[in-house]
Amino acid sequence: MTAQRDGNGLTYRDAGVDVDAGNAFVEAIKPAVRSTTRPGMMGGIGGFGGLFDLRAAGFDDPILVAATDGVGTKLKIAIETGLHGGIGIDLVAMCVNDLLAQGAQPLFFLDYYATGALDIDQGALIVQGIAEGCRQAGCGLIGGETAEMPGLYSAGDYDLAGFAVGAAERDALLPRVAQSGDILLGLASTGPHSNGYSLIRKIVERAGLDWGDPSPFGDGTVAETLITPTRIYVRSGLAAARNPGLRGFSHITGGGLTENVPRVLPDTLAAHIDPAAWPRPPVFDWLARTGDVDDAEMRRAFNIGIGMVVVVAPDAADAVRATLETGGERVYEIGHLMPRESAAVVYGPR
């Protein structure tokens, strides 16, 4: 006997998941995805997997390099203020800057966007930011996942993760072997980028500031200043990496200068860094003063104004610097390498 339905049957929508909204969202983001088209991309979004043709991208003997990252609690500022437009750039930047540190050209990017209830307008803003980040990095947005999970995320909350794949010719991988006397060039950051925001939010709370208050360390509101996207160094960095005197890049993320610069050095070398060699953006002085954060903690929690460090041979430093500046970077000579005695990074005047 066939069971009779009583009209109270449940649907997926009743459980909080709107499949029709998901389909509408895919249609809404297709123009942004198409805007990232580059050589090697095959097909479009909507399949079970994204396709990429390495041969069409122009590689002869490629090594694939992969990176994944998120944006951290910087998302809370976007969620609480509605400033979603640049957070996708952050997501791409955190991944592709890591690829640059290996000498890899970003090829394609995928995102994971999870939320309690899909807001098509909000999601479209986020994906448009991701597409802008991909355009800045020269990589294609070939797919992603939108997960609607009521009960796991509160109303309005969402999370993001990014996945980037790049490639480098086998003989162009970084880092190359560094030597004592090599020069350290620092590339200016646009602010805290996407690290240290749990501490930043705590300091803002301690100061009694709301996100909409005028910023004490920049133009606009507190939120507008702190939500500035992470700088993407890929195009200028790849151009500079063609110089054989460039030894390596260190992407300054969580752990700051203190923990990230040694990642591209042999155990026999230390970095001597002069903190007075570059202008520290006002936000970092405000954070240190308002949060009573000491210098050592500032250098581990934040980039303090340097988003990427370039290790370069002395005889190539001027040429590499010129290439980076032509690419739009603000470049500072911040130190040099020396034999390691104890600490991997030593701070002080040159």
C-alpha atoms as a PDB file:
ATOM      1  CA  MET A   1       0.000   0.000   0.000  1.00  0.00           C
ATOM      2  CA  THR A   2       1.277   3.480  -0.856  1.00  0.00           C
ATOM      3  CA  ALA A   3       1.562   5.853   2.098  1.00  0.00           C
ATOM      4  CA  GLN A   4      -0.619   8.943   1.829  1.00  0.00           C
ATOM      5  CA  ARG A   5       0.976  12.338   2.394  1.00  0.00           C
ATOM      6  CA  ASP A   6      -0.821  14.650   4.792  1.00  0.00           C
ATOM      7  CA  GLY A   7       0.393  17.911   3.226  1.00  0.00           C
ATOM      8  CA  ASN A   8       2.955  18.553   5.965  1.00  0.00           C
ATOM      9  CA  GLY A   9       5.936  17.074   4.138  1.00  0.00           C
ATOM     10  CA  LEU A  10       9.215  18.930   4.550  1.00  0.00           C
ATOM     11  CA  THR A  11      11.379  20.416   1.805  1.00  0.00           C
ATOM     12  CA  TYR A  12      15.028  21.425   1.770  1.00  0.00           C
ATOM     13  CA  ARG A  13      13.854  25.045   1.890  1.00  0.00           C
ATOM     14  CA  ASP A  14      11.988  24.265   5.125  1.00  0.00           C
ATOM     15  CA  ALA A  15      15.340  23.199   6.574  1.00  0.00           C
ATOM     16  CA  GLY A  16      16.869  26.548   5.637  1.00  0.00           C
ATOM     17  CA  VAL A  17      18.580  25.685   2.351  1.00  0.00           C
ATOM     18  CA  ASP A  18      17.325  27.444  -0.774  1.00  0.00           C
ATOM     19  CA  VAL A  19      18.527  25.537  -3.849  1.00  0.00           C
ATOM     20  CA  ASP A  20      16.871  28.054  -6.187  1.00  0.00           C
ATOM     21  CA  ALA A  21      18.811  30.883  -4.539  1.00  0.00           C
ATOM     22  CA  GLY A  22      21.995  28.899  -5.046  1.00  0.00           C
ATOM     23  CA  ASN A  23      21.278  28.533  -8.744  1.00  0.00           C
ATOM     24  CA  ALA A  24      20.457  32.239  -9.019  1.00  0.00           C
ATOM     25  CA  PHE A  25      23.738  33.035  -7.264  1.00  0.00           C
ATOM     26  CA  VAL A  26      25.742  31.040  -9.814  1.00  0.00           C
ATOM     27  CA  GLU A  27      24.085  32.995 -12.616  1.00  0.00           C
ATOM     28  CA  ALA A  28      24.774  36.297 -10.822  1.00  0.00           C
ATOM     29  CA  ILE A  29      28.512  35.667 -10.507  1.00  0.00           C
ATOM     30  CA  LYS A  30      29.170  34.351 -14.026  1.00  0.00           C
ATOM     31  CA  PRO A  31      30.192  37.786 -15.420  1.00  0.00           C
ATOM     32  CA  ALA A  32      32.751  38.240 -12.625  1.00  0.00           C
ATOM     33  CA  VAL A  33      34.144  34.772 -13.260  1.00  0.00           C
ATOM     34  CA  ARG A  34      34.391  35.368 -17.015  1.00  0.00           C
ATOM     35  CA  SER A  35      36.345  38.575 -16.366  1.00  0.00           C
ATOM     36  CA  THR A  36      39.264  36.487 -15.039  1.00  0.00           C
ATOM     37  CA  THR A  37      39.766  34.503 -18.257  1.00  0.00           C
ATOM     38  CA  ARG A  38      43.423  33.826 -19.068  1.00  0.00           C
ATOM     39  CA  PRO A  39      45.372  31.442 -21.337  1.00  0.00           C
ATOM     40  CA  GLY A  40      44.941  27.853 -20.156  1.00  0.00           C
ATOM     41  CA  MET A  41      41.408  28.155 -18.812  1.00  0.00           C
ATOM     42  CA  MET A  42      38.972  25.623 -20.269  1.00  0.00           C
ATOM     43  CA  GLY A  43      35.189  25.716 -20.073  1.00  0.00           C
ATOM     44  CA  GLY A  44      33.291  27.686 -17.466  1.00  0.00           C
ATOM     45  CA  ILE A  45      31.853  27.261 -13.997  1.00  0.00           C
ATOM     46  CA  GLY A  46      29.078  24.784 -13.311  1.00  0.00           C
ATOM     47  CA  GLY A  47      30.870  21.516 -13.990  1.00  0.00           C
ATOM     48  CA  PHE A  48      32.041  19.042 -11.377  1.00  0.00           C
ATOM     49  CA  GLY A  49      35.621  20.245 -11.694  1.00  0.00           C
ATOM     50  CA  GLY A  50      37.550  23.160 -13.156  1.00  0.00           C
ATOM     51  CA  LEU A  51      39.861  22.506 -16.089  1.00  0.00           C
ATOM     52  CA  PHE A  52      43.212  24.113 -16.909  1.00  0.00           C
ATOM     53  CA  ASP A  53      45.616  23.423 -19.776  1.00  0.00           C
ATOM     54  CA  LEU A  54      49.260  23.915 -18.738  1.00  0.00           C
ATOM     55  CA  ARG A  55      50.520  23.621 -22.282  1.00  0.00           C
ATOM     56  CA  ALA A  56      48.208  26.401 -23.435  1.00  0.00           C
ATOM     57  CA  ALA A  57      49.553  28.527 -20.562  1.00  0.00           C
ATOM     58  CA  GLY A  58      52.996  28.365 -22.161  1.00  0.00           C
ATOM     59  CA  PHE A  59      55.010  26.135 -19.830  1.00  0.00           C
ATOM     60  CA  ASP A  60      57.735  23.721 -20.975  1.00  0.00           C
ATOM     61  CA  ASP A  61      58.865  21.925 -17.798  1.00  0.00           C
ATOM     62  CA  PRO A  62      56.511  23.156 -15.077  1.00  0.00           C
ATOM     63  CA  ILE A  63      56.429  22.422 -11.376  1.00  0.00           C
ATOM     64  CA  LEU A  64      52.996  22.962  -9.829  1.00  0.00           C
ATOM     65  CA  VAL A  65      52.800  24.972  -6.614  1.00  0.00           C
ATOM     66  CA  ALA A  66      49.634  25.048  -4.480  1.00  0.00           C
ATOM     67  CA  ALA A  67      48.534  27.285  -1.612  1.00  0.00           C
ATOM     68  CA  THR A  68      45.448  27.629   0.544  1.00  0.00           C
ATOM     69  CA  ASP A  69      44.460  30.260   3.083  1.00  0.00           C
ATOM     70  CA  GLY A  70      41.624  32.300   4.533  1.00  0.00           C
ATOM     71  CA  VAL A  71      41.039  35.838   5.729  1.00  0.00           C
ATOM     72  CA  GLY A  72      40.773  35.185   9.452  1.00  0.00           C
ATOM     73  CA  THR A  73      38.774  37.407  11.772  1.00  0.00           C
ATOM     74  CA  LYS A  74      39.067  40.367   9.429  1.00  0.00           C
ATOM     75  CA  LEU A  75      35.815  38.847   8.177  1.00  0.00           C
ATOM     76  CA  LYS A  76      34.104  39.997  11.378  1.00  0.00           C
ATOM     77  CA  ILE A  77      34.596  43.633  10.365  1.00  0.00           C
ATOM     78  CA  ALA A  78      33.047  42.955   6.956  1.00  0.00           C
ATOM     79  CA  ILE A  79      30.141  41.051   8.514  1.00  0.00           C
ATOM     80  CA  GLU A  80      29.430  43.702  11.156  1.00  0.00           C
ATOM     81  CA  THR A  81      29.677  46.680   8.774  1.00  0.00           C
ATOM     82  CA  GLY A  82      28.489  45.333   5.420  1.00  0.00           C
ATOM     83  CA  LEU A  83      31.823  46.262   3.805  1.00  0.00           C
ATOM     84  CA  HIS A  84      32.155  43.069   1.769  1.00  0.00           C
ATOM     85  CA  GLY A  85      33.613  44.462  -1.447  1.00  0.00           C
ATOM     86  CA  GLY A  86      37.324  44.027  -0.749  1.00  0.00           C
ATOM     87  CA  ILE A  87      37.390  40.909   1.383  1.00  0.00           C
ATOM     88  CA  GLY A  88      37.618  38.695  -1.707  1.00  0.00           C
ATOM     89  CA  ILE A  89      40.811  40.510  -2.720  1.00  0.00           C
ATOM     90  CA  ASP A  90      42.246  39.580   0.677  1.00  0.00           C
ATOM     91  CA  LEU A  91      41.360  35.947   0.078  1.00  0.00           C
ATOM     92  CA  VAL A  92      43.176  35.823  -3.247  1.00  0.00           C
ATOM     93  CA  ALA A  93      46.131  37.853  -1.985  1.00  0.00           C
ATOM     94  CA  MET A  94      46.863  35.545   0.916  1.00  0.00           C
ATOM     95  CA  CYS A  95      47.196  32.618  -1.486  1.00  0.00           C
ATOM     96  CA  VAL A  96      48.870  34.127  -4.537  1.00  0.00           C
ATOM     97  CA  ASN A  97      51.488  36.039  -2.544  1.00  0.00           C
ATOM     98  CA  ASP A  98      52.517  32.668  -1.115  1.00  0.00           C
ATOM     99  CA  LEU A  99      52.834  31.300  -4.656  1.00  0.00           C
ATOM    100  CA  LEU A 100      55.084  34.237  -5.536  1.00  0.00           C
ATOM    101  CA  ALA A 101      57.369  33.274  -2.650  1.00  0.00           C
ATOM    102  CA  GLN A 102      58.035  30.024  -4.529  1.00  0.00           C
ATOM    103  CA  GLY A 103      58.576  31.836  -7.820  1.00  0.00           C
ATOM    104  CA  ALA A 104      55.295  30.533  -9.225  1.00  0.00           C
ATOM    105  CA  GLN A 105      52.921  32.293 -11.590  1.00  0.00           C
ATOM    106  CA  PRO A 106      49.347  31.935 -10.285  1.00  0.00           C
ATOM    107  CA  LEU A 107      47.280  29.964 -12.780  1.00  0.00           C
ATOM    108  CA  PHE A 108      43.882  29.407 -11.228  1.00  0.00           C
ATOM    109  CA  PHE A 109      41.907  29.974  -8.071  1.00  0.00           C
ATOM    110  CA  LEU A 110      38.959  28.321  -6.355  1.00  0.00           C
ATOM    111  CA  ASP A 111      36.972  29.654  -3.409  1.00  0.00           C
ATOM    112  CA  TYR A 112      34.859  28.152  -0.651  1.00  0.00           C
ATOM    113  CA  TYR A 113      32.073  30.411   0.650  1.00  0.00           C
ATOM    114  CA  ALA A 114      30.061  29.065   3.580  1.00  0.00           C
ATOM    115  CA  THR A 115      27.094  30.820   5.160  1.00  0.00           C
ATOM    116  CA  GLY A 116      23.989  30.175   7.221  1.00  0.00           C
ATOM    117  CA  ALA A 117      21.585  31.571   4.638  1.00  0.00           C
ATOM    118  CA  LEU A 118      22.639  32.670   1.189  1.00  0.00           C
ATOM    119  CA  ASP A 119      22.315  36.404   0.524  1.00  0.00           C
ATOM    120  CA  ILE A 120      22.762  36.719  -3.241  1.00  0.00           C
ATOM    121  CA  ASP A 121      23.732  40.417  -3.174  1.00  0.00           C
ATOM    122  CA  GLN A 122      26.256  39.910  -0.386  1.00  0.00           C
ATOM    123  CA  GLY A 123      27.695  36.826  -2.042  1.00  0.00           C
ATOM    124  CA  ALA A 124      27.980  38.585  -5.394  1.00  0.00           C
ATOM    125  CA  LEU A 125      29.993  41.396  -3.784  1.00  0.00           C
ATOM    126  CA  ILE A 126      32.334  38.856  -2.248  1.00  0.00           C
ATOM    127  CA  VAL A 127      32.866  36.975  -5.513  1.00  0.00           C
ATOM    128  CA  GLN A 128      33.366  40.241  -7.402  1.00  0.00           C
ATOM    129  CA  GLY A 129      36.191  40.972  -4.959  1.00  0.00           C
ATOM    130  CA  ILE A 130      37.633  37.520  -5.553  1.00  0.00           C
ATOM    131  CA  ALA A 131      37.496  38.146  -9.296  1.00  0.00           C
ATOM    132  CA  GLU A 132      39.255  41.493  -8.862  1.00  0.00           C
ATOM    133  CA  GLY A 133      42.006  39.784  -6.859  1.00  0.00           C
ATOM    134  CA  CYS A 134      42.367  37.187  -9.598  1.00  0.00           C
ATOM    135  CA  ARG A 135      42.643  39.911 -12.238  1.00  0.00           C
ATOM    136  CA  GLN A 136      45.342  41.665 -10.213  1.00  0.00           C
ATOM    137  CA  ALA A 137      47.258  38.386  -9.919  1.00  0.00           C
ATOM    138  CA  GLY A 138      46.663  37.279 -13.519  1.00  0.00           C
ATOM    139  CA  CYS A 139      44.970  34.019 -12.547  1.00  0.00           C
ATOM    140  CA  GLY A 140      41.663  32.512 -13.564  1.00  0.00           C
ATOM    141  CA  LEU A 141      38.732  31.898 -11.233  1.00  0.00           C
ATOM    142  CA  ILE A 142      37.772  28.426 -12.446  1.00  0.00           C
ATOM    143  CA  GLY A 143      35.364  27.261  -9.762  1.00  0.00           C
ATOM    144  CA  GLY A 144      34.309  27.228  -6.154  1.00  0.00           C
ATOM    145  CA  GLU A 145      31.790  25.993  -3.634  1.00  0.00           C
ATOM    146  CA  THR A 146      28.926  27.847  -1.997  1.00  0.00           C
ATOM    147  CA  ALA A 147      27.747  26.041   1.129  1.00  0.00           C
ATOM    148  CA  GLU A 148      24.498  27.044   2.818  1.00  0.00           C
ATOM    149  CA  MET A 149      24.555  25.575   6.321  1.00  0.00           C
ATOM    150  CA  PRO A 150      21.807  26.789   8.652  1.00  0.00           C
ATOM    151  CA  GLY A 151      22.450  25.902  12.265  1.00  0.00           C
ATOM    152  CA  LEU A 152      26.220  25.977  11.782  1.00  0.00           C
ATOM    153  CA  TYR A 153      26.500  29.685  10.957  1.00  0.00           C
ATOM    154  CA  SER A 154      24.456  32.411  12.643  1.00  0.00           C
ATOM    155  CA  ALA A 155      22.390  34.843  10.598  1.00  0.00           C
ATOM    156  CA  GLY A 156      24.674  37.067   8.525  1.00  0.00           C
ATOM    157  CA  ASP A 157      27.841  35.108   9.313  1.00  0.00           C
ATOM    158  CA  TYR A 158      30.003  33.551   6.636  1.00  0.00           C
ATOM    159  CA  ASP A 159      33.471  32.130   6.154  1.00  0.00           C
ATOM    160  CA  LEU A 160      35.841  32.053   3.211  1.00  0.00           C
ATOM    161  CA  ALA A 161      38.705  29.828   2.136  1.00  0.00           C
ATOM    162  CA  GLY A 162      40.780  30.078  -1.001  1.00  0.00           C
ATOM    163  CA  PHE A 163      42.838  27.634  -3.027  1.00  0.00           C
ATOM    164  CA  ALA A 164      45.397  28.723  -5.627  1.00  0.00           C
ATOM    165  CA  VAL A 165      47.546  26.696  -7.988  1.00  0.00           C
ATOM    166  CA  GLY A 166      50.520  28.161  -9.807  1.00  0.00           C
ATOM    167  CA  ALA A 167      53.432  26.911 -11.822  1.00  0.00           C
ATOM    168  CA  ALA A 168      57.082  27.728 -12.333  1.00  0.00           C
ATOM    169  CA  GLU A 169      59.607  26.354 -14.755  1.00  0.00           C
ATOM    170  CA  ARG A 170      61.755  23.864 -12.878  1.00  0.00           C
ATOM    171  CA  ASP A 171      64.873  26.055 -13.027  1.00  0.00           C
ATOM    172  CA  ALA A 172      63.009  29.190 -11.865  1.00  0.00           C
ATOM    173  CA  LEU A 173      61.749  27.970  -8.487  1.00  0.00           C
ATOM    174  CA  LEU A 174      62.462  30.091  -5.426  1.00  0.00           C
ATOM    175  CA  PRO A 175      64.128  30.526  -3.038  1.00  0.00           C
ATOM    176  CA  ARG A 176      67.620  30.386  -4.490  1.00  0.00           C
ATOM    177  CA  VAL A 177      70.620  30.004  -2.190  1.00  0.00           C
ATOM    178  CA  ALA A 178      71.163  33.190  -0.180  1.00  0.00           C
ATOM    179  CA  GLN A 179      74.566  34.466   0.951  1.00  0.00           C
ATOM    180  CA  SER A 180      75.932  36.637   3.732  1.00  0.00           C
ATOM    181  CA  GLY A 181      75.850  40.260   2.603  1.00  0.00           C
ATOM    182  CA  ASP A 182      72.705  39.891   0.523  1.00  0.00           C
ATOM    183  CA  ILE A 183      70.389  42.894   0.681  1.00  0.00           C
ATOM    184  CA  LEU A 184      66.865  42.851   2.128  1.00  0.00           C
ATOM    185  CA  LEU A 185      64.327  45.006   0.317  1.00  0.00           C
ATOM    186  CA  GLY A 186      60.957  45.616   1.923  1.00  0.00           C
ATOM    187  CA  LEU A 187      57.793  46.181  -0.096  1.00  0.00           C
ATOM    188  CA  ALA A 188      55.274  48.457   1.598  1.00  0.00           C
ATOM    189  CA  SER A 189      52.044  46.949   2.867  1.00  0.00           C
ATOM    190  CA  THR A 190      48.617  48.565   2.676  1.00  0.00           C
ATOM    191  CA  GLY A 191      48.126  48.125   6.421  1.00  0.00           C
ATOM    192  CA  PRO A 192      47.690  44.990   8.544  1.00  0.00           C
ATOM    193  CA  HIS A 193      46.666  43.005   5.428  1.00  0.00           C
ATOM    194  CA  SER A 194      44.878  39.902   6.800  1.00  0.00           C
ATOM    195  CA  ASN A 195      46.777  39.075   9.977  1.00  0.00           C
ATOM    196  CA  GLY A 196      46.481  40.098  13.610  1.00  0.00           C
ATOM    197  CA  TYR A 197      42.802  41.002  13.463  1.00  0.00           C
ATOM    198  CA  SER A 198      41.841  39.183  16.647  1.00  0.00           C
ATOM    199  CA  LEU A 199      44.256  41.483  18.486  1.00  0.00           C
ATOM    200  CA  ILE A 200      43.154  44.500  16.430  1.00  0.00           C
ATOM    201  CA  ARG A 201      39.510  43.928  17.309  1.00  0.00           C
ATOM    202  CA  LYS A 202      40.391  43.613  20.987  1.00  0.00           C
ATOM    203  CA  ILE A 203      42.333  46.898  20.902  1.00  0.00           C
ATOM    204  CA  VAL A 204      39.489  48.685  19.093  1.00  0.00           C
ATOM    205  CA  GLU A 205      37.117  47.410  21.786  1.00  0.00           C
ATOM    206  CA  ARG A 206      39.490  48.554  24.538  1.00  0.00           C
ATOM    207  CA  ALA A 207      39.600  52.014  22.952  1.00  0.00           C
ATOM    208  CA  GLY A 208      35.789  52.206  23.100  1.00  0.00           C
ATOM    209  CA  LEU A 209      35.513  52.769  19.351  1.00  0.00           C
ATOM    210  CA  ASP A 210      32.705  51.699  17.063  1.00  0.00           C
ATOM    211  CA  TRP A 211      33.415  50.653  13.480  1.00  0.00           C
ATOM    212  CA  GLY A 212      31.621  53.743  12.189  1.00  0.00           C
ATOM    213  CA  ASP A 213      33.647  56.202  14.284  1.00  0.00           C
ATOM    214  CA  PRO A 214      36.210  58.463  12.573  1.00  0.00           C
ATOM    215  CA  SER A 215      39.517  56.641  12.338  1.00  0.00           C
ATOM    216  CA  PRO A 216      42.254  57.941  14.668  1.00  0.00           C
ATOM    217  CA  PHE A 217      44.899  56.515  12.316  1.00  0.00           C
ATOM    218  CA  GLY A 218      43.655  57.250   8.788  1.00  0.00           C
ATOM    219  CA  ASP A 219      40.977  58.686   6.539  1.00  0.00           C
ATOM    220  CA  GLY A 220      37.394  57.486   6.808  1.00  0.00           C
ATOM    221  CA  THR A 221      35.911  55.359   9.556  1.00  0.00           C
ATOM    222  CA  VAL A 222      37.697  52.852  11.758  1.00  0.00           C
ATOM    223  CA  ALA A 223      36.239  50.007   9.694  1.00  0.00           C
ATOM    224  CA  GLU A 224      37.059  51.586   6.333  1.00  0.00           C
ATOM    225  CA  THR A 225      40.687  52.010   7.353  1.00  0.00           C
ATOM    226  CA  LEU A 226      41.073  48.491   8.717  1.00  0.00           C
ATOM    227  CA  ILE A 227      39.234  46.759   5.876  1.00  0.00           C
ATOM    228  CA  THR A 228      41.766  47.963   3.251  1.00  0.00           C
ATOM    229  CA  PRO A 229      42.599  44.889   1.123  1.00  0.00           C
ATOM    230  CA  THR A 230      45.894  43.040   1.222  1.00  0.00           C
ATOM    231  CA  ARG A 231      48.302  44.144  -1.513  1.00  0.00           C
ATOM    232  CA  ILE A 232      48.982  41.628  -4.275  1.00  0.00           C
ATOM    233  CA  TYR A 233      52.661  41.661  -5.251  1.00  0.00           C
ATOM    234  CA  VAL A 234      52.531  39.053  -8.008  1.00  0.00           C
ATOM    235  CA  ARG A 235      52.985  41.044 -11.219  1.00  0.00           C
ATOM    236  CA  SER A 236      55.847  43.231  -9.992  1.00  0.00           C
ATOM    237  CA  GLY A 237      57.415  40.314  -8.123  1.00  0.00           C
ATOM    238  CA  LEU A 238      57.432  37.942 -11.083  1.00  0.00           C
ATOM    239  CA  ALA A 239      59.019  40.636 -13.234  1.00  0.00           C
ATOM    240  CA  ALA A 240      61.743  41.149 -10.618  1.00  0.00           C
ATOM    241  CA  ALA A 241      62.294  37.393 -10.256  1.00  0.00           C
ATOM    242  CA  ARG A 242      63.612  37.249 -13.819  1.00  0.00           C
ATOM    243  CA  ASN A 243      66.804  38.785 -12.447  1.00  0.00           C
ATOM    244  CA  PRO A 244      69.089  35.876 -11.423  1.00  0.00           C
ATOM    245  CA  GLY A 245      70.373  37.972  -8.521  1.00  0.00           C
ATOM    246  CA  LEU A 246      67.020  37.788  -6.777  1.00  0.00           C
ATOM    247  CA  ARG A 247      67.330  35.053  -4.141  1.00  0.00           C
ATOM    248  CA  GLY A 248      63.814  34.892  -2.759  1.00  0.00           C
ATOM    249  CA  PHE A 249      60.616  36.435  -1.421  1.00  0.00           C
ATOM    250  CA  SER A 250      59.197  36.202   2.091  1.00  0.00           C
ATOM    251  CA  HIS A 251      55.473  36.905   2.400  1.00  0.00           C
ATOM    252  CA  ILE A 252      54.976  38.631   5.755  1.00  0.00           C
ATOM    253  CA  THR A 253      51.840  37.091   7.236  1.00  0.00           C
ATOM    254  CA  GLY A 254      51.128  35.597  10.674  1.00  0.00           C
ATOM    255  CA  GLY A 255      54.381  35.599  12.621  1.00  0.00           C
ATOM    256  CA  GLY A 256      55.467  38.886  11.100  1.00  0.00           C
ATOM    257  CA  LEU A 257      59.030  39.655  10.064  1.00  0.00           C
ATOM    258  CA  THR A 258      60.410  37.646  12.972  1.00  0.00           C
ATOM    259  CA  GLU A 259      59.060  34.287  11.853  1.00  0.00           C
ATOM    260  CA  ASN A 260      58.605  34.646   8.093  1.00  0.00           C
ATOM    261  CA  VAL A 261      61.952  35.994   6.884  1.00  0.00           C
ATOM    262  CA  PRO A 262      63.887  32.955   8.239  1.00  0.00           C
ATOM    263  CA  ARG A 263      61.661  30.647   6.153  1.00  0.00           C
ATOM    264  CA  VAL A 264      63.661  31.558   3.024  1.00  0.00           C
ATOM    265  CA  LEU A 265      67.113  31.461   4.653  1.00  0.00           C
ATOM    266  CA  PRO A 266      69.546  28.622   5.335  1.00  0.00           C
ATOM    267  CA  ASP A 267      70.172  27.864   9.012  1.00  0.00           C
ATOM    268  CA  THR A 268      73.608  29.467   8.762  1.00  0.00           C
ATOM    269  CA  LEU A 269      72.295  32.967   7.997  1.00  0.00           C
ATOM    270  CA  ALA A 270      70.406  35.600   9.969  1.00  0.00           C
ATOM    271  CA  ALA A 271      68.554  38.706   8.841  1.00  0.00           C
ATOM    272  CA  HIS A 272      69.652  42.046  10.298  1.00  0.00           C
ATOM    273  CA  ILE A 273      66.660  44.392  10.002  1.00  0.00           C
ATOM    274  CA  ASP A 274      66.590  48.098  10.817  1.00  0.00           C
ATOM    275  CA  PRO A 275      63.031  49.019  11.904  1.00  0.00           C
ATOM    276  CA  ALA A 276      63.826  52.695  11.256  1.00  0.00           C
ATOM    277  CA  ALA A 277      64.497  52.016   7.555  1.00  0.00           C
ATOM    278  CA  TRP A 278      60.871  52.473   6.473  1.00  0.00           C
ATOM    279  CA  PRO A 279      57.955  54.692   7.541  1.00  0.00           C
ATOM    280  CA  ARG A 280      55.616  52.717   9.782  1.00  0.00           C
ATOM    281  CA  PRO A 281      51.950  53.342   8.860  1.00  0.00           C
ATOM    282  CA  PRO A 282      50.050  55.217  11.602  1.00  0.00           C
ATOM    283  CA  VAL A 283      47.753  52.261  12.296  1.00  0.00           C
ATOM    284  CA  PHE A 284      50.628  50.286  13.798  1.00  0.00           C
ATOM    285  CA  ASP A 285      51.724  53.108  16.105  1.00  0.00           C
ATOM    286  CA  TRP A 286      48.118  53.475  17.243  1.00  0.00           C
ATOM    287  CA  LEU A 287      47.787  49.742  17.898  1.00  0.00           C
ATOM    288  CA  ALA A 288      51.048  49.614  19.849  1.00  0.00           C
ATOM    289  CA  ARG A 289      50.171  52.655  21.942  1.00  0.00           C
ATOM    290  CA  THR A 290      46.497  51.901  22.560  1.00  0.00           C
ATOM    291  CA  GLY A 291      47.015  48.196  23.227  1.00  0.00           C
ATOM    292  CA  ASP A 292      50.310  48.679  25.102  1.00  0.00           C
ATOM    293  CA  VAL A 293      51.840  46.111  22.727  1.00  0.00           C
ATOM    294  CA  ASP A 294      55.624  45.836  22.981  1.00  0.00           C
ATOM    295  CA  ASP A 295      57.951  45.882  19.969  1.00  0.00           C
ATOM    296  CA  ALA A 296      58.635  42.145  19.979  1.00  0.00           C
ATOM    297  CA  GLU A 297      54.918  41.320  19.942  1.00  0.00           C
ATOM    298  CA  MET A 298      54.210  43.921  17.244  1.00  0.00           C
ATOM    299  CA  ARG A 299      56.869  42.323  15.026  1.00  0.00           C
ATOM    300  CA  ARG A 300      55.330  38.853  15.470  1.00  0.00           C
ATOM    301  CA  ALA A 301      51.647  39.804  15.230  1.00  0.00           C
ATOM    302  CA  PHE A 302      51.790  42.315  12.379  1.00  0.00           C
ATOM    303  CA  ASN A 303      53.720  43.139   9.228  1.00  0.00           C
ATOM    304  CA  ILE A 304      54.376  46.665  10.644  1.00  0.00           C
ATOM    305  CA  GLY A 305      54.356  48.147   7.171  1.00  0.00           C
ATOM    306  CA  ILE A 306      56.281  45.555   5.135  1.00  0.00           C
ATOM    307  CA  GLY A 307      54.134  43.033   3.260  1.00  0.00           C
ATOM    308  CA  MET A 308      56.890  41.270   1.331  1.00  0.00           C
ATOM    309  CA  VAL A 309      60.654  41.009   1.866  1.00  0.00           C
ATOM    310  CA  VAL A 310      62.922  40.471  -1.123  1.00  0.00           C
ATOM    311  CA  VAL A 311      66.360  38.882  -0.702  1.00  0.00           C
ATOM    312  CA  VAL A 312      68.721  40.031  -3.443  1.00  0.00           C
ATOM    313  CA  ALA A 313      72.445  39.925  -4.229  1.00  0.00           C
ATOM    314  CA  PRO A 314      74.159  43.309  -3.662  1.00  0.00           C
ATOM    315  CA  ASP A 315      75.118  43.734  -7.330  1.00  0.00           C
ATOM    316  CA  ALA A 316      71.510  43.160  -8.432  1.00  0.00           C
ATOM    317  CA  ALA A 317      69.780  45.249  -5.763  1.00  0.00           C
ATOM    318  CA  ASP A 318      69.472  48.459  -7.797  1.00  0.00           C
ATOM    319  CA  ALA A 319      68.080  46.676 -10.858  1.00  0.00           C
ATOM    320  CA  VAL A 320      65.590  44.623  -8.818  1.00  0.00           C
ATOM    321  CA  ARG A 321      64.486  47.712  -6.925  1.00  0.00           C
ATOM    322  CA  ALA A 322      63.943  49.604 -10.182  1.00  0.00           C
ATOM    323  CA  THR A 323      61.808  46.768 -11.579  1.00  0.00           C
ATOM    324  CA  LEU A 324      59.680  46.636  -8.442  1.00  0.00           C
ATOM    325  CA  GLU A 325      59.190  50.401  -8.393  1.00  0.00           C
ATOM    326  CA  THR A 326      58.226  50.367 -12.079  1.00  0.00           C
ATOM    327  CA  GLY A 327      55.616  47.785 -11.078  1.00  0.00           C
ATOM    328  CA  GLY A 328      54.142  50.234  -8.573  1.00  0.00           C
ATOM    329  CA  GLU A 329      55.788  49.087  -5.350  1.00  0.00           C
ATOM    330  CA  ARG A 330      57.175  51.333  -2.615  1.00  0.00           C
ATOM    331  CA  VAL A 331      60.557  49.765  -1.886  1.00  0.00           C
ATOM    332  CA  TYR A 332      62.855  50.242   1.103  1.00  0.00           C
ATOM    333  CA  GLU A 333      66.269  48.786   1.864  1.00  0.00           C
ATOM    334  CA  ILE A 334      65.576  47.375   5.312  1.00  0.00           C
ATOM    335  CA  GLY A 335      68.618  45.252   6.110  1.00  0.00           C
ATOM    336  CA  HIS A 336      71.029  42.550   5.049  1.00  0.00           C
ATOM    337  CA  LEU A 337      72.021  38.950   5.725  1.00  0.00           C
ATOM    338  CA  MET A 338      74.847  37.968   8.036  1.00  0.00           C
ATOM    339  CA  PRO A 339      76.212  34.777   9.630  1.00  0.00           C
ATOM    340  CA  ARG A 340      73.801  33.431  12.243  1.00  0.00           C
ATOM    341  CA  GLU A 341      75.009  33.290  15.819  1.00  0.00           C
ATOM    342  CA  SER A 342      71.751  32.774  17.718  1.00  0.00           C
ATOM    343  CA  ALA A 343      68.564  34.585  16.632  1.00  0.00           C
ATOM    344  CA  ALA A 344      67.414  34.195  13.035  1.00  0.00           C
ATOM    345  CA  VAL A 345      66.342  37.850  12.922  1.00  0.00           C
ATOM    346  CA  VAL A 346      68.237  40.650  14.657  1.00  0.00           C
ATOM    347  CA  TYR A 347      66.707  44.116  14.938  1.00  0.00           C
ATOM    348  CA  GLY A 348      68.718  47.290  15.237  1.00  0.00           C
ATOM    349  CA  PRO A 349      70.405  50.161  13.370  1.00  0.00           C
ATOM    350  CA  ARG A 350      72.516  49.246  10.374  1.00  0.00           C
END
